[in-house]
Amino acid sequence: MPQYLLSLIQPDGPMPAPEVLDPIMRDVAAVTERMRAAGAWVFSAGLHPAETATVVRPAGEDVLVTDGPYVEAKEHVGGFTIVEAEDLDAALAWGREVARATTLPVEVRPIANGGV
């Protein structure tokens, strides 16, 4: 079954207050449970803020290591879910549910070679 990456696009800045975040996390847990029940859920993870990233970049024979995100931006991938779905339309349906639950944009992208 094809696999798809659902990337959550999160704005930079502080975490929302508990009164905002708690209902979102409840809704995310409900979507994850529906994914599991449908046999679509493969893996999910949240990421630390982009400023915690380290970039490893080849430079000739050397490899440079720099602090910070690969690209300076006001938004970064804040987390992701991998789902198995029959086709792009089914993956987009899960993407819509995740977007509604998180209140964030979600990029849906097929995983090459079936995730192998």
PDB file of N, CA and C in Angstrom:
ATOM      1  N   MET A   1       0.861  -1.182   0.000  1.00  0.00           N
ATOM      2  CA  MET A   1       0.000   0.000   0.000  1.00  0.00           C
ATOM      3  C   MET A   1       0.900   1.235   0.000  1.00  0.00           C
ATOM      4  N   PRO A   2       0.597   2.228  -0.826  1.00  0.00           N
ATOM      5  CA  PRO A   2       1.405   3.449  -0.851  1.00  0.00           C
ATOM      6  C   PRO A   2       1.411   4.164   0.504  1.00  0.00           C
ATOM      7  N   GLN A   3       2.533   4.785   0.780  1.00  0.00           N
ATOM      8  CA  GLN A   3       2.651   5.580   2.005  1.00  0.00           C
ATOM      9  C   GLN A   3       2.794   7.053   1.645  1.00  0.00           C
ATOM     10  N   TYR A   4       2.285   7.911   2.548  1.00  0.00           N
ATOM     11  CA  TYR A   4       2.304   9.354   2.345  1.00  0.00           C
ATOM     12  C   TYR A   4       2.808  10.036   3.602  1.00  0.00           C
ATOM     13  N   LEU A   5       3.583  11.099   3.406  1.00  0.00           N
ATOM     14  CA  LEU A   5       4.074  11.927   4.496  1.00  0.00           C
ATOM     15  C   LEU A   5       3.144  13.120   4.650  1.00  0.00           C
ATOM     16  N   LEU A   6       2.600  13.299   5.845  1.00  0.00           N
ATOM     17  CA  LEU A   6       1.781  14.461   6.168  1.00  0.00           C
ATOM     18  C   LEU A   6       2.636  15.358   7.053  1.00  0.00           C
ATOM     19  N   SER A   7       3.136  16.454   6.498  1.00  0.00           N
ATOM     20  CA  SER A   7       4.017  17.370   7.233  1.00  0.00           C
ATOM     21  C   SER A   7       3.194  18.526   7.780  1.00  0.00           C
ATOM     22  N   LEU A   8       3.304  18.769   9.083  1.00  0.00           N
ATOM     23  CA  LEU A   8       2.612  19.883   9.720  1.00  0.00           C
ATOM     24  C   LEU A   8       3.491  21.119   9.629  1.00  0.00           C
ATOM     25  N   ILE A   9       2.978  22.168   9.039  1.00  0.00           N
ATOM     26  CA  ILE A   9       3.725  23.403   8.844  1.00  0.00           C
ATOM     27  C   ILE A   9       3.363  24.342  10.001  1.00  0.00           C
ATOM     28  N   GLN A  10       4.334  24.554  10.865  1.00  0.00           N
ATOM     29  CA  GLN A  10       4.106  25.283  12.117  1.00  0.00           C
ATOM     30  C   GLN A  10       4.813  26.629  12.087  1.00  0.00           C
ATOM     31  N   PRO A  11       4.121  27.684  12.522  1.00  0.00           N
ATOM     32  CA  PRO A  11       4.797  28.987  12.582  1.00  0.00           C
ATOM     33  C   PRO A  11       5.826  29.007  13.704  1.00  0.00           C
ATOM     34  N   ASP A  12       6.888  29.785  13.509  1.00  0.00           N
ATOM     35  CA  ASP A  12       7.857  29.977  14.591  1.00  0.00           C
ATOM     36  C   ASP A  12       7.191  30.743  15.719  1.00  0.00           C
ATOM     37  N   GLY A  13       7.695  30.564  16.907  1.00  0.00           N
ATOM     38  CA  GLY A  13       7.159  31.302  18.049  1.00  0.00           C
ATOM     39  C   GLY A  13       6.892  30.377  19.211  1.00  0.00           C
ATOM     40  N   PRO A  14       6.394  30.949  20.286  1.00  0.00           N
ATOM     41  CA  PRO A  14       6.150  30.160  21.488  1.00  0.00           C
ATOM     42  C   PRO A  14       4.998  29.178  21.293  1.00  0.00           C
ATOM     43  N   MET A  15       4.989  28.152  22.123  1.00  0.00           N
ATOM     44  CA  MET A  15       3.890  27.194  22.126  1.00  0.00           C
ATOM     45  C   MET A  15       2.622  27.915  22.557  1.00  0.00           C
ATOM     46  N   PRO A  16       1.479  27.502  22.033  1.00  0.00           N
ATOM     47  CA  PRO A  16       0.224  28.111  22.475  1.00  0.00           C
ATOM     48  C   PRO A  16      -0.026  27.830  23.961  1.00  0.00           C
ATOM     49  N   ALA A  17      -0.811  28.683  24.570  1.00  0.00           N
ATOM     50  CA  ALA A  17      -1.190  28.508  25.971  1.00  0.00           C
ATOM     51  C   ALA A  17      -1.985  27.211  26.127  1.00  0.00           C
ATOM     52  N   PRO A  18      -1.936  26.599  27.319  1.00  0.00           N
ATOM     53  CA  PRO A  18      -2.653  25.335  27.530  1.00  0.00           C
ATOM     54  C   PRO A  18      -4.134  25.388  27.143  1.00  0.00           C
ATOM     55  N   GLU A  19      -4.793  26.496  27.383  1.00  0.00           N
ATOM     56  CA  GLU A  19      -6.216  26.564  27.040  1.00  0.00           C
ATOM     57  C   GLU A  19      -6.459  26.514  25.534  1.00  0.00           C
ATOM     58  N   VAL A  20      -5.436  26.836  24.745  1.00  0.00           N
ATOM     59  CA  VAL A  20      -5.515  26.711  23.294  1.00  0.00           C
ATOM     60  C   VAL A  20      -5.003  25.345  22.845  1.00  0.00           C
ATOM     61  N   LEU A  21      -3.879  24.909  23.413  1.00  0.00           N
ATOM     62  CA  LEU A  21      -3.221  23.674  22.977  1.00  0.00           C
ATOM     63  C   LEU A  21      -3.968  22.414  23.411  1.00  0.00           C
ATOM     64  N   ASP A  22      -4.543  22.397  24.596  1.00  0.00           N
ATOM     65  CA  ASP A  22      -5.190  21.177  25.101  1.00  0.00           C
ATOM     66  C   ASP A  22      -6.296  20.665  24.179  1.00  0.00           C
ATOM     67  N   PRO A  23      -7.226  21.510  23.719  1.00  0.00           N
ATOM     68  CA  PRO A  23      -8.247  20.988  22.801  1.00  0.00           C
ATOM     69  C   PRO A  23      -7.661  20.515  21.472  1.00  0.00           C
ATOM     70  N   ILE A  24      -6.606  21.169  21.003  1.00  0.00           N
ATOM     71  CA  ILE A  24      -5.948  20.738  19.770  1.00  0.00           C
ATOM     72  C   ILE A  24      -5.358  19.344  19.963  1.00  0.00           C
ATOM     73  N   MET A  25      -4.660  19.128  21.056  1.00  0.00           N
ATOM     74  CA  MET A  25      -4.045  17.818  21.306  1.00  0.00           C
ATOM     75  C   MET A  25      -5.110  16.731  21.455  1.00  0.00           C
ATOM     76  N   ARG A  26      -6.250  17.074  22.053  1.00  0.00           N
ATOM     77  CA  ARG A  26      -7.364  16.125  22.162  1.00  0.00           C
ATOM     78  C   ARG A  26      -7.852  15.735  20.769  1.00  0.00           C
ATOM     79  N   ASP A  27      -7.999  16.751  19.884  1.00  0.00           N
ATOM     80  CA  ASP A  27      -8.467  16.483  18.527  1.00  0.00           C
ATOM     81  C   ASP A  27      -7.438  15.674  17.732  1.00  0.00           C
ATOM     82  N   VAL A  28      -6.155  15.955  17.924  1.00  0.00           N
ATOM     83  CA  VAL A  28      -5.098  15.198  17.246  1.00  0.00           C
ATOM     84  C   VAL A  28      -5.130  13.737  17.698  1.00  0.00           C
ATOM     85  N   ALA A  29      -5.293  13.506  18.990  1.00  0.00           N
ATOM     86  CA  ALA A  29      -5.374  12.129  19.506  1.00  0.00           C
ATOM     87  C   ALA A  29      -6.558  11.392  18.890  1.00  0.00           C
ATOM     88  N   ALA A  30      -7.681  12.078  18.707  1.00  0.00           N
ATOM     89  CA  ALA A  30      -8.861  11.449  18.113  1.00  0.00           C
ATOM     90  C   ALA A  30      -8.606  11.078  16.652  1.00  0.00           C
ATOM     91  N   VAL A  31      -7.945  11.969  15.895  1.00  0.00           N
ATOM     92  CA  VAL A  31      -7.623  11.658  14.499  1.00  0.00           C
ATOM     93  C   VAL A  31      -6.654  10.485  14.438  1.00  0.00           C
ATOM     94  N   THR A  32      -5.649  10.481  15.297  1.00  0.00           N
ATOM     95  CA  THR A  32      -4.684   9.377  15.317  1.00  0.00           C
ATOM     96  C   THR A  32      -5.391   8.066  15.620  1.00  0.00           C
ATOM     97  N   GLU A  33      -6.341   8.072  16.530  1.00  0.00           N
ATOM     98  CA  GLU A  33      -7.086   6.860  16.858  1.00  0.00           C
ATOM     99  C   GLU A  33      -7.907   6.387  15.654  1.00  0.00           C
ATOM    100  N   ARG A  34      -8.516   7.314  14.918  1.00  0.00           N
ATOM    101  CA  ARG A  34      -9.262   6.937  13.709  1.00  0.00           C
ATOM    102  C   ARG A  34      -8.320   6.350  12.657  1.00  0.00           C
ATOM    103  N   MET A  35      -7.110   6.933  12.526  1.00  0.00           N
ATOM    104  CA  MET A  35      -6.123   6.396  11.586  1.00  0.00           C
ATOM    105  C   MET A  35      -5.731   4.971  11.972  1.00  0.00           C
ATOM    106  N   ARG A  36      -5.493   4.762  13.255  1.00  0.00           N
ATOM    107  CA  ARG A  36      -5.111   3.421  13.726  1.00  0.00           C
ATOM    108  C   ARG A  36      -6.231   2.417  13.470  1.00  0.00           C
ATOM    109  N   ALA A  37      -7.455   2.819  13.777  1.00  0.00           N
ATOM    110  CA  ALA A  37      -8.604   1.926  13.595  1.00  0.00           C
ATOM    111  C   ALA A  37      -8.793   1.564  12.121  1.00  0.00           C
ATOM    112  N   ALA A  38      -8.466   2.500  11.235  1.00  0.00           N
ATOM    113  CA  ALA A  38      -8.603   2.265   9.796  1.00  0.00           C
ATOM    114  C   ALA A  38      -7.399   1.521   9.209  1.00  0.00           C
ATOM    115  N   GLY A  39      -6.353   1.308  10.016  1.00  0.00           N
ATOM    116  CA  GLY A  39      -5.142   0.655   9.522  1.00  0.00           C
ATOM    117  C   GLY A  39      -4.273   1.562   8.679  1.00  0.00           C
ATOM    118  N   ALA A  40      -4.478   2.880   8.772  1.00  0.00           N
ATOM    119  CA  ALA A  40      -3.725   3.831   7.953  1.00  0.00           C
ATOM    120  C   ALA A  40      -2.488   4.367   8.651  1.00  0.00           C
ATOM    121  N   TRP A  41      -2.513   4.435   9.982  1.00  0.00           N
ATOM    122  CA  TRP A  41      -1.421   5.065  10.735  1.00  0.00           C
ATOM    123  C   TRP A  41      -0.171   4.188  10.691  1.00  0.00           C
ATOM    124  N   VAL A  42       0.981   4.811  10.377  1.00  0.00           N
ATOM    125  CA  VAL A  42       2.273   4.122  10.387  1.00  0.00           C
ATOM    126  C   VAL A  42       3.152   4.692  11.499  1.00  0.00           C
ATOM    127  N   PHE A  43       3.293   6.017  11.550  1.00  0.00           N
ATOM    128  CA  PHE A  43       4.196   6.646  12.508  1.00  0.00           C
ATOM    129  C   PHE A  43       3.879   8.134  12.586  1.00  0.00           C
ATOM    130  N   SER A  44       4.034   8.709  13.770  1.00  0.00           N
ATOM    131  CA  SER A  44       3.890  10.160  13.957  1.00  0.00           C
ATOM    132  C   SER A  44       4.956  10.649  14.912  1.00  0.00           C
ATOM    133  N   ALA A  45       5.356  11.909  14.753  1.00  0.00           N
ATOM    134  CA  ALA A  45       6.296  12.514  15.695  1.00  0.00           C
ATOM    135  C   ALA A  45       6.192  14.027  15.608  1.00  0.00           C
ATOM    136  N   GLY A  46       6.340  14.656  16.743  1.00  0.00           N
ATOM    137  CA  GLY A  46       6.500  16.101  16.803  1.00  0.00           C
ATOM    138  C   GLY A  46       7.982  16.418  16.823  1.00  0.00           C
ATOM    139  N   LEU A  47       8.332  17.605  16.379  1.00  0.00           N
ATOM    140  CA  LEU A  47       9.733  18.013  16.340  1.00  0.00           C
ATOM    141  C   LEU A  47       9.981  19.179  17.283  1.00  0.00           C
ATOM    142  N   HIS A  48      11.194  19.270  17.787  1.00  0.00           N
ATOM    143  CA  HIS A  48      11.589  20.435  18.571  1.00  0.00           C
ATOM    144  C   HIS A  48      11.627  21.649  17.644  1.00  0.00           C
ATOM    145  N   PRO A  49      11.635  22.853  18.184  1.00  0.00           N
ATOM    146  CA  PRO A  49      11.656  24.059  17.340  1.00  0.00           C
ATOM    147  C   PRO A  49      12.834  24.049  16.361  1.00  0.00           C
ATOM    148  N   ALA A  50      12.650  24.741  15.237  1.00  0.00           N
ATOM    149  CA  ALA A  50      13.647  24.752  14.170  1.00  0.00           C
ATOM    150  C   ALA A  50      15.007  25.247  14.639  1.00  0.00           C
ATOM    151  N   GLU A  51      15.041  26.155  15.624  1.00  0.00           N
ATOM    152  CA  GLU A  51      16.344  26.670  16.072  1.00  0.00           C
ATOM    153  C   GLU A  51      17.193  25.603  16.755  1.00  0.00           C
ATOM    154  N   THR A  52      16.609  24.442  17.070  1.00  0.00           N
ATOM    155  CA  THR A  52      17.392  23.350  17.668  1.00  0.00           C
ATOM    156  C   THR A  52      18.056  22.470  16.607  1.00  0.00           C
ATOM    157  N   ALA A  53      17.763  22.745  15.335  1.00  0.00           N
ATOM    158  CA  ALA A  53      18.291  21.926  14.248  1.00  0.00           C
ATOM    159  C   ALA A  53      19.789  22.137  14.058  1.00  0.00           C
ATOM    160  N   THR A  54      20.431  21.133  13.518  1.00  0.00           N
ATOM    161  CA  THR A  54      21.823  21.202  13.095  1.00  0.00           C
ATOM    162  C   THR A  54      21.874  20.706  11.659  1.00  0.00           C
ATOM    163  N   VAL A  55      22.562  21.428  10.799  1.00  0.00           N
ATOM    164  CA  VAL A  55      22.665  21.069   9.391  1.00  0.00           C
ATOM    165  C   VAL A  55      24.054  20.499   9.133  1.00  0.00           C
ATOM    166  N   VAL A  56      24.087  19.354   8.465  1.00  0.00           N
ATOM    167  CA  VAL A  56      25.330  18.704   8.060  1.00  0.00           C
ATOM    168  C   VAL A  56      25.372  18.779   6.538  1.00  0.00           C
ATOM    169  N   ARG A  57      26.381  19.488   5.997  1.00  0.00           N
ATOM    170  CA  ARG A  57      26.415  19.783   4.569  1.00  0.00           C
ATOM    171  C   ARG A  57      27.767  19.385   3.984  1.00  0.00           C
ATOM    172  N   PRO A  58      27.766  18.570   2.902  1.00  0.00           N
ATOM    173  CA  PRO A  58      29.034  18.225   2.263  1.00  0.00           C
ATOM    174  C   PRO A  58      29.657  19.455   1.607  1.00  0.00           C
ATOM    175  N   ALA A  59      30.967  19.566   1.733  1.00  0.00           N
ATOM    176  CA  ALA A  59      31.719  20.665   1.127  1.00  0.00           C
ATOM    177  C   ALA A  59      33.030  20.092   0.613  1.00  0.00           C
ATOM    178  N   GLY A  60      32.972  19.572  -0.602  1.00  0.00           N
ATOM    179  CA  GLY A  60      34.164  18.918  -1.145  1.00  0.00           C
ATOM    180  C   GLY A  60      34.455  17.653  -0.360  1.00  0.00           C
ATOM    181  N   GLU A  61      35.673  17.551   0.153  1.00  0.00           N
ATOM    182  CA  GLU A  61      36.056  16.384   0.954  1.00  0.00           C
ATOM    183  C   GLU A  61      35.614  16.508   2.411  1.00  0.00           C
ATOM    184  N   ASP A  62      35.224  17.708   2.816  1.00  0.00           N
ATOM    185  CA  ASP A  62      34.816  17.959   4.195  1.00  0.00           C
ATOM    186  C   ASP A  62      33.303  17.909   4.330  1.00  0.00           C
ATOM    187  N   VAL A  63      32.868  17.949   5.563  1.00  0.00           N
ATOM    188  CA  VAL A  63      31.453  18.078   5.884  1.00  0.00           C
ATOM    189  C   VAL A  63      31.340  19.207   6.899  1.00  0.00           C
ATOM    190  N   LEU A  64      30.563  20.227   6.552  1.00  0.00           N
ATOM    191  CA  LEU A  64      30.363  21.366   7.440  1.00  0.00           C
ATOM    192  C   LEU A  64      29.158  21.109   8.333  1.00  0.00           C
ATOM    193  N   VAL A  65      29.280  21.487   9.590  1.00  0.00           N
ATOM    194  CA  VAL A  65      28.188  21.360  10.548  1.00  0.00           C
ATOM    195  C   VAL A  65      27.854  22.763  11.039  1.00  0.00           C
ATOM    196  N   THR A  66      26.592  23.172  10.856  1.00  0.00           N
ATOM    197  CA  THR A  66      26.167  24.503  11.282  1.00  0.00           C
ATOM    198  C   THR A  66      24.911  24.406  12.134  1.00  0.00           C
ATOM    199  N   ASP A  67      24.774  25.332  13.063  1.00  0.00           N
ATOM    200  CA  ASP A  67      23.586  25.403  13.900  1.00  0.00           C
ATOM    201  C   ASP A  67      22.449  26.044  13.130  1.00  0.00           C
ATOM    202  N   GLY A  68      21.254  25.693  13.536  1.00  0.00           N
ATOM    203  CA  GLY A  68      20.072  26.349  12.988  1.00  0.00           C
ATOM    204  C   GLY A  68      19.442  25.576  11.856  1.00  0.00           C
ATOM    205  N   PRO A  69      18.263  26.025  11.453  1.00  0.00           N
ATOM    206  CA  PRO A  69      17.548  25.304  10.392  1.00  0.00           C
ATOM    207  C   PRO A  69      18.254  25.433   9.046  1.00  0.00           C
ATOM    208  N   TYR A  70      17.943  24.537   8.160  1.00  0.00           N
ATOM    209  CA  TYR A  70      18.511  24.532   6.814  1.00  0.00           C
ATOM    210  C   TYR A  70      18.138  25.815   6.078  1.00  0.00           C
ATOM    211  N   VAL A  71      16.895  26.249   6.238  1.00  0.00           N
ATOM    212  CA  VAL A  71      16.404  27.448   5.566  1.00  0.00           C
ATOM    213  C   VAL A  71      15.833  28.398   6.615  1.00  0.00           C
ATOM    214  N   GLU A  72      16.188  29.665   6.527  1.00  0.00           N
ATOM    215  CA  GLU A  72      15.585  30.666   7.406  1.00  0.00           C
ATOM    216  C   GLU A  72      14.181  30.970   6.890  1.00  0.00           C
ATOM    217  N   ALA A  73      13.198  30.798   7.747  1.00  0.00           N
ATOM    218  CA  ALA A  73      11.809  31.023   7.354  1.00  0.00           C
ATOM    219  C   ALA A  73      10.985  31.332   8.592  1.00  0.00           C
ATOM    220  N   LYS A  74       9.752  31.735   8.388  1.00  0.00           N
ATOM    221  CA  LYS A  74       8.850  32.018   9.502  1.00  0.00           C
ATOM    222  C   LYS A  74       8.022  30.795   9.874  1.00  0.00           C
ATOM    223  N   GLU A  75       8.119  29.738   9.045  1.00  0.00           N
ATOM    224  CA  GLU A  75       7.426  28.481   9.295  1.00  0.00           C
ATOM    225  C   GLU A  75       8.390  27.333   9.036  1.00  0.00           C
ATOM    226  N   HIS A  76       8.184  26.246   9.748  1.00  0.00           N
ATOM    227  CA  HIS A  76       9.003  25.055   9.566  1.00  0.00           C
ATOM    228  C   HIS A  76       8.140  23.822   9.799  1.00  0.00           C
ATOM    229  N   VAL A  77       8.663  22.680   9.409  1.00  0.00           N
ATOM    230  CA  VAL A  77       7.970  21.436   9.721  1.00  0.00           C
ATOM    231  C   VAL A  77       8.019  21.255  11.237  1.00  0.00           C
ATOM    232  N   GLY A  78       6.848  21.178  11.837  1.00  0.00           N
ATOM    233  CA  GLY A  78       6.764  21.045  13.293  1.00  0.00           C
ATOM    234  C   GLY A  78       6.495  19.623  13.742  1.00  0.00           C
ATOM    235  N   GLY A  79       6.119  18.783  12.800  1.00  0.00           N
ATOM    236  CA  GLY A  79       5.836  17.384  13.097  1.00  0.00           C
ATOM    237  C   GLY A  79       5.369  16.709  11.823  1.00  0.00           C
ATOM    238  N   PHE A  80       5.140  15.408  11.919  1.00  0.00           N
ATOM    239  CA  PHE A  80       4.719  14.682  10.727  1.00  0.00           C
ATOM    240  C   PHE A  80       4.015  13.396  11.120  1.00  0.00           C
ATOM    241  N   THR A  81       3.245  12.888  10.183  1.00  0.00           N
ATOM    242  CA  THR A  81       2.604  11.584  10.301  1.00  0.00           C
ATOM    243  C   THR A  81       2.818  10.861   8.985  1.00  0.00           C
ATOM    244  N   ILE A  82       3.077   9.592   9.061  1.00  0.00           N
ATOM    245  CA  ILE A  82       3.144   8.754   7.870  1.00  0.00           C
ATOM    246  C   ILE A  82       1.906   7.863   7.878  1.00  0.00           C
ATOM    247  N   VAL A  83       1.187   7.858   6.740  1.00  0.00           N
ATOM    248  CA  VAL A  83      -0.002   7.025   6.614  1.00  0.00           C
ATOM    249  C   VAL A  83       0.123   6.121   5.402  1.00  0.00           C
ATOM    250  N   GLU A  84      -0.560   5.009   5.470  1.00  0.00           N
ATOM    251  CA  GLU A  84      -0.758   4.174   4.295  1.00  0.00           C
ATOM    252  C   GLU A  84      -2.144   4.487   3.765  1.00  0.00           C
ATOM    253  N   ALA A  85      -2.223   4.738   2.470  1.00  0.00           N
ATOM    254  CA  ALA A  85      -3.498   5.085   1.857  1.00  0.00           C
ATOM    255  C   ALA A  85      -3.547   4.505   0.453  1.00  0.00           C
ATOM    256  N   GLU A  86      -4.738   4.145   0.026  1.00  0.00           N
ATOM    257  CA  GLU A  86      -4.920   3.524  -1.280  1.00  0.00           C
ATOM    258  C   GLU A  86      -4.434   4.419  -2.419  1.00  0.00           C
ATOM    259  N   ASP A  87      -4.650   5.736  -2.255  1.00  0.00           N
ATOM    260  CA  ASP A  87      -4.263   6.671  -3.310  1.00  0.00           C
ATOM    261  C   ASP A  87      -4.142   8.072  -2.710  1.00  0.00           C
ATOM    262  N   LEU A  88      -3.797   9.030  -3.558  1.00  0.00           N
ATOM    263  CA  LEU A  88      -3.619  10.406  -3.094  1.00  0.00           C
ATOM    264  C   LEU A  88      -4.908  10.970  -2.488  1.00  0.00           C
ATOM    265  N   ASP A  89      -6.053  10.656  -3.078  1.00  0.00           N
ATOM    266  CA  ASP A  89      -7.314  11.174  -2.535  1.00  0.00           C
ATOM    267  C   ASP A  89      -7.534  10.704  -1.100  1.00  0.00           C
ATOM    268  N   ALA A  90      -7.226   9.445  -0.829  1.00  0.00           N
ATOM    269  CA  ALA A  90      -7.376   8.920   0.543  1.00  0.00           C
ATOM    270  C   ALA A  90      -6.378   9.590   1.479  1.00  0.00           C
ATOM    271  N   ALA A  91      -5.155   9.815   1.004  1.00  0.00           N
ATOM    272  CA  ALA A  91      -4.149  10.494   1.832  1.00  0.00           C
ATOM    273  C   ALA A  91      -4.569  11.937   2.099  1.00  0.00           C
ATOM    274  N   LEU A  92      -5.138  12.594   1.092  1.00  0.00           N
ATOM    275  CA  LEU A  92      -5.607  13.967   1.273  1.00  0.00           C
ATOM    276  C   LEU A  92      -6.750  14.039   2.286  1.00  0.00           C
ATOM    277  N   ALA A  93      -7.572  13.005   2.321  1.00  0.00           N
ATOM    278  CA  ALA A  93      -8.652  12.970   3.320  1.00  0.00           C
ATOM    279  C   ALA A  93      -8.065  12.956   4.728  1.00  0.00           C
ATOM    280  N   TRP A  94      -7.001  12.168   4.939  1.00  0.00           N
ATOM    281  CA  TRP A  94      -6.326  12.175   6.246  1.00  0.00           C
ATOM    282  C   TRP A  94      -5.665  13.526   6.482  1.00  0.00           C
ATOM    283  N   GLY A  95      -5.055  14.093   5.445  1.00  0.00           N
ATOM    284  CA  GLY A  95      -4.444  15.415   5.582  1.00  0.00           C
ATOM    285  C   GLY A  95      -5.453  16.468   6.014  1.00  0.00           C
ATOM    286  N   ARG A  96      -6.657  16.408   5.457  1.00  0.00           N
ATOM    287  CA  ARG A  96      -7.703  17.350   5.863  1.00  0.00           C
ATOM    288  C   ARG A  96      -8.047  17.195   7.336  1.00  0.00           C
ATOM    289  N   GLU A  97      -8.152  15.941   7.782  1.00  0.00           N
ATOM    290  CA  GLU A  97      -8.479  15.708   9.196  1.00  0.00           C
ATOM    291  C   GLU A  97      -7.380  16.232  10.115  1.00  0.00           C
ATOM    292  N   VAL A  98      -6.136  15.998   9.732  1.00  0.00           N
ATOM    293  CA  VAL A  98      -5.013  16.487  10.543  1.00  0.00           C
ATOM    294  C   VAL A  98      -4.991  18.014  10.545  1.00  0.00           C
ATOM    295  N   ALA A  99      -5.234  18.630   9.395  1.00  0.00           N
ATOM    296  CA  ALA A  99      -5.242  20.096   9.320  1.00  0.00           C
ATOM    297  C   ALA A  99      -6.339  20.681  10.208  1.00  0.00           C
ATOM    298  N   ARG A 100      -7.517  20.078  10.172  1.00  0.00           N
ATOM    299  CA  ARG A 100      -8.606  20.568  11.030  1.00  0.00           C
ATOM    300  C   ARG A 100      -8.244  20.413  12.502  1.00  0.00           C
ATOM    301  N   ALA A 101      -7.676  19.259  12.859  1.00  0.00           N
ATOM    302  CA  ALA A 101      -7.351  18.992  14.267  1.00  0.00           C
ATOM    303  C   ALA A 101      -6.256  19.914  14.781  1.00  0.00           C
ATOM    304  N   THR A 102      -5.233  20.139  13.958  1.00  0.00           N
ATOM    305  CA  THR A 102      -4.078  20.925  14.413  1.00  0.00           C
ATOM    306  C   THR A 102      -4.250  22.420  14.180  1.00  0.00           C
ATOM    307  N   THR A 103      -5.170  22.789  13.317  1.00  0.00           N
ATOM    308  CA  THR A 103      -5.369  24.171  12.850  1.00  0.00           C
ATOM    309  C   THR A 103      -4.160  24.687  12.075  1.00  0.00           C
ATOM    310  N   LEU A 104      -3.352  23.774  11.535  1.00  0.00           N
ATOM    311  CA  LEU A 104      -2.139  24.122  10.790  1.00  0.00           C
ATOM    312  C   LEU A 104      -2.235  23.630   9.351  1.00  0.00           C
ATOM    313  N   PRO A 105      -1.498  24.256   8.438  1.00  0.00           N
ATOM    314  CA  PRO A 105      -1.391  23.697   7.090  1.00  0.00           C
ATOM    315  C   PRO A 105      -0.679  22.344   7.142  1.00  0.00           C
ATOM    316  N   VAL A 106      -1.087  21.451   6.254  1.00  0.00           N
ATOM    317  CA  VAL A 106      -0.482  20.120   6.173  1.00  0.00           C
ATOM    318  C   VAL A 106      -0.101  19.864   4.718  1.00  0.00           C
ATOM    319  N   GLU A 107       1.174  19.547   4.496  1.00  0.00           N
ATOM    320  CA  GLU A 107       1.638  19.160   3.161  1.00  0.00           C
ATOM    321  C   GLU A 107       1.543  17.648   3.060  1.00  0.00           C
ATOM    322  N   VAL A 108       0.894  17.164   2.013  1.00  0.00           N
ATOM    323  CA  VAL A 108       0.750  15.726   1.770  1.00  0.00           C
ATOM    324  C   VAL A 108       1.639  15.359   0.596  1.00  0.00           C
ATOM    325  N   ARG A 109       2.539  14.403   0.822  1.00  0.00           N
ATOM    326  CA  ARG A 109       3.502  14.035  -0.227  1.00  0.00           C
ATOM    327  C   ARG A 109       3.685  12.520  -0.248  1.00  0.00           C
ATOM    328  N   PRO A 110       3.622  11.904  -1.447  1.00  0.00           N
ATOM    329  CA  PRO A 110       3.866  10.468  -1.521  1.00  0.00           C
ATOM    330  C   PRO A 110       5.318  10.132  -1.175  1.00  0.00           C
ATOM    331  N   ILE A 111       5.497   9.011  -0.517  1.00  0.00           N
ATOM    332  CA  ILE A 111       6.844   8.522  -0.205  1.00  0.00           C
ATOM    333  C   ILE A 111       7.311   7.682  -1.382  1.00  0.00           C
ATOM    334  N   ALA A 112       8.503   7.971  -1.884  1.00  0.00           N
ATOM    335  CA  ALA A 112       9.039   7.270  -3.048  1.00  0.00           C
ATOM    336  C   ALA A 112       9.340   5.824  -2.706  1.00  0.00           C
ATOM    337  N   ASN A 113       9.178   4.963  -3.691  1.00  0.00           N
ATOM    338  CA  ASN A 113       9.512   3.541  -3.564  1.00  0.00           C
ATOM    339  C   ASN A 113       8.755   2.844  -2.461  1.00  0.00           C
ATOM    340  N   GLY A 114       7.560   3.311  -2.158  1.00  0.00           N
ATOM    341  CA  GLY A 114       6.731   2.636  -1.163  1.00  0.00           C
ATOM    342  C   GLY A 114       7.318   2.637   0.214  1.00  0.00           C
ATOM    343  N   GLY A 115       8.211   3.576   0.507  1.00  0.00           N
ATOM    344  CA  GLY A 115       8.784   3.668   1.850  1.00  0.00           C
ATOM    345  C   GLY A 115       9.891   2.666   2.112  1.00  0.00           C
ATOM    346  N   VAL A 116      10.391   2.022   1.050  1.00  0.00           N
ATOM    347  CA  VAL A 116      11.449   1.024   1.238  1.00  0.00           C
ATOM    348  C   VAL A 116      12.797   1.695   1.229  1.00  0.00           C
TER     349      VAL A 116
END
